[in-house]
Amino acid sequence: MNKKILNYIDWHLNNSASEHMGQLVYIIAKLSLISTPAAWIVKLPREARDKLFLSHADASSYIDLNGRPDDYIAPLYTTVNVDVASSGIKRN
């Protein structure tokens, strides 16, 4: 299933008709499939500080115990090397 999803994402990334913001969404989607988050952050929109956790389970527990409706969990990734453009670009 992941292979089919990755092929779908790659098709959209290599399609020159895709909008730039749409390609950004596909880049993030590809990252989420090919790499594991290094940490998780609980975003607290009403506060200046966010909470950092090393596992999704810890972040979920925090949300369950202390969360409000507008809080959410987001993954944090380390730097990864991803090919998002085809190498067949021709220059005149």
PDB file of N, CA and C in Angstrom:
ATOM      1  N   MET A   1       0.830  -1.197   0.000  1.00  0.00           N
ATOM      2  CA  MET A   1       0.000   0.000   0.000  1.00  0.00           C
ATOM      3  C   MET A   1       0.866   1.250   0.000  1.00  0.00           C
ATOM      4  N   ASN A   2       1.940   1.241   0.813  1.00  0.00           N
ATOM      5  CA  ASN A   2       2.827   2.407   0.851  1.00  0.00           C
ATOM      6  C   ASN A   2       3.423   2.696  -0.516  1.00  0.00           C
ATOM      7  N   LYS A   3       3.750   1.645  -1.278  1.00  0.00           N
ATOM      8  CA  LYS A   3       4.344   1.817  -2.607  1.00  0.00           C
ATOM      9  C   LYS A   3       3.375   2.537  -3.540  1.00  0.00           C
ATOM     10  N   LYS A   4       2.097   2.170  -3.483  1.00  0.00           N
ATOM     11  CA  LYS A   4       1.088   2.829  -4.318  1.00  0.00           C
ATOM     12  C   LYS A   4       0.937   4.298  -3.927  1.00  0.00           C
ATOM     13  N   ILE A   5       0.931   4.546  -2.638  1.00  0.00           N
ATOM     14  CA  ILE A   5       0.807   5.931  -2.163  1.00  0.00           C
ATOM     15  C   ILE A   5       2.022   6.741  -2.578  1.00  0.00           C
ATOM     16  N   LEU A   6       3.225   6.161  -2.412  1.00  0.00           N
ATOM     17  CA  LEU A   6       4.451   6.863  -2.815  1.00  0.00           C
ATOM     18  C   LEU A   6       4.459   7.140  -4.318  1.00  0.00           C
ATOM     19  N   ASN A   7       4.003   6.201  -5.127  1.00  0.00           N
ATOM     20  CA  ASN A   7       3.926   6.435  -6.574  1.00  0.00           C
ATOM     21  C   ASN A   7       2.958   7.572  -6.891  1.00  0.00           C
ATOM     22  N   TYR A   8       1.840   7.610  -6.205  1.00  0.00           N
ATOM     23  CA  TYR A   8       0.862   8.680  -6.388  1.00  0.00           C
ATOM     24  C   TYR A   8       1.465  10.034  -6.015  1.00  0.00           C
ATOM     25  N   ILE A   9       2.160  10.080  -4.891  1.00  0.00           N
ATOM     26  CA  ILE A   9       2.801  11.324  -4.436  1.00  0.00           C
ATOM     27  C   ILE A   9       3.875  11.743  -5.424  1.00  0.00           C
ATOM     28  N   ASP A  10       4.718  10.804  -5.857  1.00  0.00           N
ATOM     29  CA  ASP A  10       5.779  11.126  -6.805  1.00  0.00           C
ATOM     30  C   ASP A  10       5.216  11.653  -8.120  1.00  0.00           C
ATOM     31  N   TRP A  11       4.103  11.079  -8.577  1.00  0.00           N
ATOM     32  CA  TRP A  11       3.484  11.564  -9.801  1.00  0.00           C
ATOM     33  C   TRP A  11       3.094  13.035  -9.657  1.00  0.00           C
ATOM     34  N   HIS A  12       2.507  13.391  -8.530  1.00  0.00           N
ATOM     35  CA  HIS A  12       2.109  14.788  -8.302  1.00  0.00           C
ATOM     36  C   HIS A  12       3.324  15.696  -8.146  1.00  0.00           C
ATOM     37  N   LEU A  13       4.383  15.205  -7.527  1.00  0.00           N
ATOM     38  CA  LEU A  13       5.584  16.025  -7.376  1.00  0.00           C
ATOM     39  C   LEU A  13       6.270  16.272  -8.718  1.00  0.00           C
ATOM     40  N   ASN A  14       6.224  15.307  -9.604  1.00  0.00           N
ATOM     41  CA  ASN A  14       6.873  15.442 -10.907  1.00  0.00           C
ATOM     42  C   ASN A  14       5.989  16.090 -11.960  1.00  0.00           C
ATOM     43  N   ASN A  15       4.729  16.297 -11.648  1.00  0.00           N
ATOM     44  CA  ASN A  15       3.789  16.917 -12.572  1.00  0.00           C
ATOM     45  C   ASN A  15       3.982  18.428 -12.536  1.00  0.00           C
ATOM     46  N   SER A  16       4.349  19.018 -13.645  1.00  0.00           N
ATOM     47  CA  SER A  16       4.635  20.460 -13.677  1.00  0.00           C
ATOM     48  C   SER A  16       3.373  21.305 -13.531  1.00  0.00           C
ATOM     49  N   ALA A  17       2.205  20.697 -13.694  1.00  0.00           N
ATOM     50  CA  ALA A  17       0.956  21.451 -13.570  1.00  0.00           C
ATOM     51  C   ALA A  17       0.513  21.602 -12.112  1.00  0.00           C
ATOM     52  N   SER A  18       1.164  20.890 -11.196  1.00  0.00           N
ATOM     53  CA  SER A  18       0.780  20.994  -9.786  1.00  0.00           C
ATOM     54  C   SER A  18       1.134  22.366  -9.234  1.00  0.00           C
ATOM     55  N   GLU A  19       0.250  22.899  -8.403  1.00  0.00           N
ATOM     56  CA  GLU A  19       0.509  24.189  -7.764  1.00  0.00           C
ATOM     57  C   GLU A  19       1.605  24.033  -6.718  1.00  0.00           C
ATOM     58  N   HIS A  20       2.305  25.125  -6.428  1.00  0.00           N
ATOM     59  CA  HIS A  20       3.418  25.077  -5.482  1.00  0.00           C
ATOM     60  C   HIS A  20       2.970  24.666  -4.087  1.00  0.00           C
ATOM     61  N   MET A  21       1.858  25.189  -3.623  1.00  0.00           N
ATOM     62  CA  MET A  21       1.381  24.813  -2.296  1.00  0.00           C
ATOM     63  C   MET A  21       0.940  23.354  -2.276  1.00  0.00           C
ATOM     64  N   GLY A  22       0.381  22.886  -3.374  1.00  0.00           N
ATOM     65  CA  GLY A  22       0.009  21.488  -3.469  1.00  0.00           C
ATOM     66  C   GLY A  22       1.225  20.595  -3.412  1.00  0.00           C
ATOM     67  N   GLN A  23       2.310  21.003  -4.083  1.00  0.00           N
ATOM     68  CA  GLN A  23       3.538  20.220  -4.036  1.00  0.00           C
ATOM     69  C   GLN A  23       4.110  20.188  -2.627  1.00  0.00           C
ATOM     70  N   LEU A  24       3.990  21.282  -1.880  1.00  0.00           N
ATOM     71  CA  LEU A  24       4.458  21.303  -0.494  1.00  0.00           C
ATOM     72  C   LEU A  24       3.706  20.268   0.342  1.00  0.00           C
ATOM     73  N   VAL A  25       2.415  20.171   0.124  1.00  0.00           N
ATOM     74  CA  VAL A  25       1.618  19.167   0.843  1.00  0.00           C
ATOM     75  C   VAL A  25       2.111  17.763   0.501  1.00  0.00           C
ATOM     76  N   TYR A  26       2.416  17.517  -0.777  1.00  0.00           N
ATOM     77  CA  TYR A  26       2.901  16.204  -1.176  1.00  0.00           C
ATOM     78  C   TYR A  26       4.295  15.921  -0.633  1.00  0.00           C
ATOM     79  N   ILE A  27       5.141  16.939  -0.518  1.00  0.00           N
ATOM     80  CA  ILE A  27       6.464  16.759   0.087  1.00  0.00           C
ATOM     81  C   ILE A  27       6.316  16.336   1.548  1.00  0.00           C
ATOM     82  N   ILE A  28       5.440  17.004   2.276  1.00  0.00           N
ATOM     83  CA  ILE A  28       5.210  16.655   3.686  1.00  0.00           C
ATOM     84  C   ILE A  28       4.623  15.250   3.794  1.00  0.00           C
ATOM     85  N   ALA A  29       3.722  14.908   2.897  1.00  0.00           N
ATOM     86  CA  ALA A  29       3.139  13.564   2.908  1.00  0.00           C
ATOM     87  C   ALA A  29       4.213  12.509   2.649  1.00  0.00           C
ATOM     88  N   LYS A  30       5.116  12.797   1.715  1.00  0.00           N
ATOM     89  CA  LYS A  30       6.187  11.835   1.416  1.00  0.00           C
ATOM     90  C   LYS A  30       7.113  11.684   2.615  1.00  0.00           C
ATOM     91  N   LEU A  31       7.451  12.787   3.254  1.00  0.00           N
ATOM     92  CA  LEU A  31       8.284  12.718   4.454  1.00  0.00           C
ATOM     93  C   LEU A  31       7.650  11.846   5.520  1.00  0.00           C
ATOM     94  N   SER A  32       6.356  11.989   5.694  1.00  0.00           N
ATOM     95  CA  SER A  32       5.686  11.222   6.746  1.00  0.00           C
ATOM     96  C   SER A  32       5.670   9.729   6.438  1.00  0.00           C
ATOM     97  N   LEU A  33       5.800   9.349   5.165  1.00  0.00           N
ATOM     98  CA  LEU A  33       5.809   7.933   4.808  1.00  0.00           C
ATOM     99  C   LEU A  33       7.202   7.316   4.814  1.00  0.00           C
ATOM    100  N   ILE A  34       8.230   8.113   4.525  1.00  0.00           N
ATOM    101  CA  ILE A  34       9.561   7.529   4.371  1.00  0.00           C
ATOM    102  C   ILE A  34      10.472   7.737   5.564  1.00  0.00           C
ATOM    103  N   SER A  35      10.058   8.548   6.524  1.00  0.00           N
ATOM    104  CA  SER A  35      10.915   8.770   7.685  1.00  0.00           C
ATOM    105  C   SER A  35      10.090   8.737   8.964  1.00  0.00           C
ATOM    106  N   THR A  36      10.765   8.435  10.040  1.00  0.00           N
ATOM    107  CA  THR A  36      10.125   8.382  11.346  1.00  0.00           C
ATOM    108  C   THR A  36      10.368   9.708  12.061  1.00  0.00           C
ATOM    109  N   PRO A  37       9.352  10.277  12.685  1.00  0.00           N
ATOM    110  CA  PRO A  37       9.577  11.526  13.418  1.00  0.00           C
ATOM    111  C   PRO A  37      10.601  11.339  14.530  1.00  0.00           C
ATOM    112  N   ALA A  38      11.439  12.338  14.720  1.00  0.00           N
ATOM    113  CA  ALA A  38      12.437  12.301  15.793  1.00  0.00           C
ATOM    114  C   ALA A  38      11.803  12.665  17.128  1.00  0.00           C
ATOM    115  N   ALA A  39      10.745  13.445  17.081  1.00  0.00           N
ATOM    116  CA  ALA A  39      10.049  13.877  18.296  1.00  0.00           C
ATOM    117  C   ALA A  39       8.645  14.325  17.907  1.00  0.00           C
ATOM    118  N   TRP A  40       7.866  14.650  18.909  1.00  0.00           N
ATOM    119  CA  TRP A  40       6.490  15.126  18.707  1.00  0.00           C
ATOM    120  C   TRP A  40       6.317  16.399  19.515  1.00  0.00           C
ATOM    121  N   ILE A  41       5.566  17.325  18.970  1.00  0.00           N
ATOM    122  CA  ILE A  41       5.315  18.579  19.668  1.00  0.00           C
ATOM    123  C   ILE A  41       3.806  18.735  19.838  1.00  0.00           C
ATOM    124  N   VAL A  42       3.413  19.147  21.025  1.00  0.00           N
ATOM    125  CA  VAL A  42       2.012  19.478  21.265  1.00  0.00           C
ATOM    126  C   VAL A  42       1.902  20.988  21.102  1.00  0.00           C
ATOM    127  N   LYS A  43       1.180  21.382  20.068  1.00  0.00           N
ATOM    128  CA  LYS A  43       0.994  22.803  19.772  1.00  0.00           C
ATOM    129  C   LYS A  43      -0.138  23.337  20.644  1.00  0.00           C
ATOM    130  N   LEU A  44       0.167  24.398  21.362  1.00  0.00           N
ATOM    131  CA  LEU A  44      -0.788  25.037  22.260  1.00  0.00           C
ATOM    132  C   LEU A  44      -1.041  26.447  21.745  1.00  0.00           C
ATOM    133  N   PRO A  45      -2.018  26.633  20.859  1.00  0.00           N
ATOM    134  CA  PRO A  45      -2.235  27.925  20.214  1.00  0.00           C
ATOM    135  C   PRO A  45      -2.483  29.092  21.178  1.00  0.00           C
ATOM    136  N   ARG A  46      -3.020  28.819  22.345  1.00  0.00           N
ATOM    137  CA  ARG A  46      -3.349  29.907  23.276  1.00  0.00           C
ATOM    138  C   ARG A  46      -2.146  30.325  24.114  1.00  0.00           C
ATOM    139  N   GLU A  47      -1.038  29.553  24.078  1.00  0.00           N
ATOM    140  CA  GLU A  47       0.147  29.849  24.878  1.00  0.00           C
ATOM    141  C   GLU A  47       1.344  30.102  23.975  1.00  0.00           C
ATOM    142  N   ALA A  48       2.341  30.800  24.508  1.00  0.00           N
ATOM    143  CA  ALA A  48       3.550  31.084  23.739  1.00  0.00           C
ATOM    144  C   ALA A  48       4.452  29.863  23.632  1.00  0.00           C
ATOM    145  N   ARG A  49       4.363  28.942  24.566  1.00  0.00           N
ATOM    146  CA  ARG A  49       5.235  27.766  24.578  1.00  0.00           C
ATOM    147  C   ARG A  49       4.481  26.524  24.138  1.00  0.00           C
ATOM    148  N   ASP A  50       5.182  25.671  23.399  1.00  0.00           N
ATOM    149  CA  ASP A  50       4.666  24.363  23.026  1.00  0.00           C
ATOM    150  C   ASP A  50       5.384  23.313  23.854  1.00  0.00           C
ATOM    151  N   LYS A  51       4.844  22.121  23.902  1.00  0.00           N
ATOM    152  CA  LYS A  51       5.430  21.031  24.683  1.00  0.00           C
ATOM    153  C   LYS A  51       6.087  20.029  23.740  1.00  0.00           C
ATOM    154  N   LEU A  52       7.303  19.610  24.063  1.00  0.00           N
ATOM    155  CA  LEU A  52       8.058  18.669  23.248  1.00  0.00           C
ATOM    156  C   LEU A  52       8.068  17.295  23.916  1.00  0.00           C
ATOM    157  N   PHE A  53       7.834  16.236  23.121  1.00  0.00           N
ATOM    158  CA  PHE A  53       7.826  14.862  23.627  1.00  0.00           C
ATOM    159  C   PHE A  53       8.622  13.968  22.684  1.00  0.00           C
ATOM    160  N   LEU A  54       9.243  12.927  23.237  1.00  0.00           N
ATOM    161  CA  LEU A  54      10.039  12.011  22.430  1.00  0.00           C
ATOM    162  C   LEU A  54       9.229  10.860  21.848  1.00  0.00           C
ATOM    163  N   SER A  55       7.986  10.706  22.285  1.00  0.00           N
ATOM    164  CA  SER A  55       7.143   9.653  21.713  1.00  0.00           C
ATOM    165  C   SER A  55       5.727  10.182  21.495  1.00  0.00           C
ATOM    166  N   HIS A  56       5.052   9.574  20.529  1.00  0.00           N
ATOM    167  CA  HIS A  56       3.676   9.955  20.248  1.00  0.00           C
ATOM    168  C   HIS A  56       2.766   9.593  21.421  1.00  0.00           C
ATOM    169  N   ALA A  57       3.080   8.490  22.090  1.00  0.00           N
ATOM    170  CA  ALA A  57       2.266   8.058  23.237  1.00  0.00           C
ATOM    171  C   ALA A  57       2.308   9.095  24.357  1.00  0.00           C
ATOM    172  N   ASP A  58       3.492   9.654  24.626  1.00  0.00           N
ATOM    173  CA  ASP A  58       3.602  10.676  25.673  1.00  0.00           C
ATOM    174  C   ASP A  58       2.843  11.936  25.288  1.00  0.00           C
ATOM    175  N   ALA A  59       2.948  12.329  24.021  1.00  0.00           N
ATOM    176  CA  ALA A  59       2.226  13.518  23.555  1.00  0.00           C
ATOM    177  C   ALA A  59       0.721  13.296  23.643  1.00  0.00           C
ATOM    178  N   SER A  60       0.267  12.103  23.261  1.00  0.00           N
ATOM    179  CA  SER A  60      -1.172  11.786  23.342  1.00  0.00           C
ATOM    180  C   SER A  60      -1.652  11.781  24.783  1.00  0.00           C
ATOM    181  N   SER A  61      -0.841  11.240  25.687  1.00  0.00           N
ATOM    182  CA  SER A  61      -1.217  11.231  27.104  1.00  0.00           C
ATOM    183  C   SER A  61      -1.358  12.647  27.634  1.00  0.00           C
ATOM    184  N   TYR A  62      -0.430  13.523  27.221  1.00  0.00           N
ATOM    185  CA  TYR A  62      -0.514  14.912  27.662  1.00  0.00           C
ATOM    186  C   TYR A  62      -1.812  15.561  27.161  1.00  0.00           C
ATOM    187  N   ILE A  63      -2.135  15.333  25.892  1.00  0.00           N
ATOM    188  CA  ILE A  63      -3.376  15.885  25.319  1.00  0.00           C
ATOM    189  C   ILE A  63      -4.586  15.331  26.062  1.00  0.00           C
ATOM    190  N   ASP A  64      -4.578  14.020  26.348  1.00  0.00           N
ATOM    191  CA  ASP A  64      -5.710  13.400  27.044  1.00  0.00           C
ATOM    192  C   ASP A  64      -5.912  13.990  28.436  1.00  0.00           C
ATOM    193  N   LEU A  65      -4.816  14.263  29.132  1.00  0.00           N
ATOM    194  CA  LEU A  65      -4.917  14.756  30.509  1.00  0.00           C
ATOM    195  C   LEU A  65      -5.091  16.276  30.601  1.00  0.00           C
ATOM    196  N   ASN A  66      -4.396  17.017  29.740  1.00  0.00           N
ATOM    197  CA  ASN A  66      -4.351  18.476  29.891  1.00  0.00           C
ATOM    198  C   ASN A  66      -4.844  19.250  28.678  1.00  0.00           C
ATOM    199  N   GLY A  67      -5.212  18.561  27.625  1.00  0.00           N
ATOM    200  CA  GLY A  67      -5.510  19.228  26.362  1.00  0.00           C
ATOM    201  C   GLY A  67      -6.822  19.985  26.351  1.00  0.00           C
ATOM    202  N   ARG A  68      -6.834  20.978  25.485  1.00  0.00           N
ATOM    203  CA  ARG A  68      -8.040  21.738  25.192  1.00  0.00           C
ATOM    204  C   ARG A  68      -8.419  21.470  23.740  1.00  0.00           C
ATOM    205  N   PRO A  69      -9.612  21.855  23.311  1.00  0.00           N
ATOM    206  CA  PRO A  69     -10.055  21.521  21.947  1.00  0.00           C
ATOM    207  C   PRO A  69      -9.147  22.035  20.823  1.00  0.00           C
ATOM    208  N   ASP A  70      -8.427  23.134  21.033  1.00  0.00           N
ATOM    209  CA  ASP A  70      -7.604  23.677  19.949  1.00  0.00           C
ATOM    210  C   ASP A  70      -6.152  23.191  19.987  1.00  0.00           C
ATOM    211  N   ASP A  71      -5.778  22.331  20.936  1.00  0.00           N
ATOM    212  CA  ASP A  71      -4.430  21.762  20.997  1.00  0.00           C
ATOM    213  C   ASP A  71      -4.312  20.630  19.979  1.00  0.00           C
ATOM    214  N   TYR A  72      -3.120  20.442  19.441  1.00  0.00           N
ATOM    215  CA  TYR A  72      -2.908  19.336  18.513  1.00  0.00           C
ATOM    216  C   TYR A  72      -1.462  18.871  18.550  1.00  0.00           C
ATOM    217  N   ILE A  73      -1.239  17.663  18.029  1.00  0.00           N
ATOM    218  CA  ILE A  73       0.086  17.052  18.009  1.00  0.00           C
ATOM    219  C   ILE A  73       0.643  17.137  16.589  1.00  0.00           C
ATOM    220  N   ALA A  74       1.930  17.498  16.491  1.00  0.00           N
ATOM    221  CA  ALA A  74       2.600  17.565  15.192  1.00  0.00           C
ATOM    222  C   ALA A  74       3.936  16.831  15.267  1.00  0.00           C
ATOM    223  N   PRO A  75       4.312  16.118  14.199  1.00  0.00           N
ATOM    224  CA  PRO A  75       5.600  15.420  14.198  1.00  0.00           C
ATOM    225  C   PRO A  75       6.748  16.371  13.893  1.00  0.00           C
ATOM    226  N   LEU A  76       7.914  16.063  14.431  1.00  0.00           N
ATOM    227  CA  LEU A  76       9.131  16.803  14.127  1.00  0.00           C
ATOM    228  C   LEU A  76      10.109  15.826  13.483  1.00  0.00           C
ATOM    229  N   TYR A  77      10.621  16.181  12.323  1.00  0.00           N
ATOM    230  CA  TYR A  77      11.519  15.300  11.584  1.00  0.00           C
ATOM    231  C   TYR A  77      12.941  15.842  11.604  1.00  0.00           C
ATOM    232  N   THR A  78      13.901  14.924  11.561  1.00  0.00           N
ATOM    233  CA  THR A  78      15.280  15.338  11.358  1.00  0.00           C
ATOM    234  C   THR A  78      15.461  15.593   9.867  1.00  0.00           C
ATOM    235  N   THR A  79      16.563  16.124   9.488  1.00  0.00           N
ATOM    236  CA  THR A  79      16.823  16.398   8.080  1.00  0.00           C
ATOM    237  C   THR A  79      16.983  15.086   7.326  1.00  0.00           C
ATOM    238  N   VAL A  80      16.266  14.976   6.215  1.00  0.00           N
ATOM    239  CA  VAL A  80      16.380  13.789   5.364  1.00  0.00           C
ATOM    240  C   VAL A  80      16.612  14.231   3.929  1.00  0.00           C
ATOM    241  N   ASN A  81      17.249  13.384   3.157  1.00  0.00           N
ATOM    242  CA  ASN A  81      17.494  13.657   1.758  1.00  0.00           C
ATOM    243  C   ASN A  81      16.402  12.995   0.939  1.00  0.00           C
ATOM    244  N   VAL A  82      15.606  13.803   0.229  1.00  0.00           N
ATOM    245  CA  VAL A  82      14.498  13.284  -0.555  1.00  0.00           C
ATOM    246  C   VAL A  82      14.604  13.827  -1.969  1.00  0.00           C
ATOM    247  N   ASP A  83      14.502  12.951  -2.958  1.00  0.00           N
ATOM    248  CA  ASP A  83      14.462  13.388  -4.347  1.00  0.00           C
ATOM    249  C   ASP A  83      13.039  13.792  -4.675  1.00  0.00           C
ATOM    250  N   VAL A  84      12.832  15.088  -4.936  1.00  0.00           N
ATOM    251  CA  VAL A  84      11.490  15.561  -5.251  1.00  0.00           C
ATOM    252  C   VAL A  84      11.371  16.026  -6.689  1.00  0.00           C
ATOM    253  N   ALA A  85      12.477  16.103  -7.397  1.00  0.00           N
ATOM    254  CA  ALA A  85      12.443  16.516  -8.798  1.00  0.00           C
ATOM    255  C   ALA A  85      13.115  15.438  -9.637  1.00  0.00           C
ATOM    256  N   SER A  86      12.658  15.321 -10.850  1.00  0.00           N
ATOM    257  CA  SER A  86      13.277  14.320 -11.727  1.00  0.00           C
ATOM    258  C   SER A  86      14.650  14.823 -12.174  1.00  0.00           C
ATOM    259  N   SER A  87      15.524  13.882 -12.463  1.00  0.00           N
ATOM    260  CA  SER A  87      16.878  14.258 -12.872  1.00  0.00           C
ATOM    261  C   SER A  87      16.969  14.499 -14.377  1.00  0.00           C
ATOM    262  N   GLY A  88      15.865  14.387 -15.063  1.00  0.00           N
ATOM    263  CA  GLY A  88      15.878  14.526 -16.520  1.00  0.00           C
ATOM    264  C   GLY A  88      15.647  15.942 -17.016  1.00  0.00           C
ATOM    265  N   ILE A  89      16.029  16.937 -16.258  1.00  0.00           N
ATOM    266  CA  ILE A  89      15.840  18.322 -16.685  1.00  0.00           C
ATOM    267  C   ILE A  89      16.869  18.650 -17.760  1.00  0.00           C
ATOM    268  N   LYS A  90      16.377  19.140 -18.880  1.00  0.00           N
ATOM    269  CA  LYS A  90      17.267  19.459 -20.004  1.00  0.00           C
ATOM    270  C   LYS A  90      17.512  20.960 -20.049  1.00  0.00           C
ATOM    271  N   ARG A  91      18.733  21.324 -20.280  1.00  0.00           N
ATOM    272  CA  ARG A  91      19.085  22.740 -20.416  1.00  0.00           C
ATOM    273  C   ARG A  91      19.507  22.998 -21.852  1.00  0.00           C
ATOM    274  N   ASN A  92      19.077  24.131 -22.366  1.00  0.00           N
ATOM    275  CA  ASN A  92      19.448  24.506 -23.739  1.00  0.00           C
ATOM    276  C   ASN A  92      20.700  25.325 -23.760  1.00  0.00           C
TER     277      ASN A  92
END
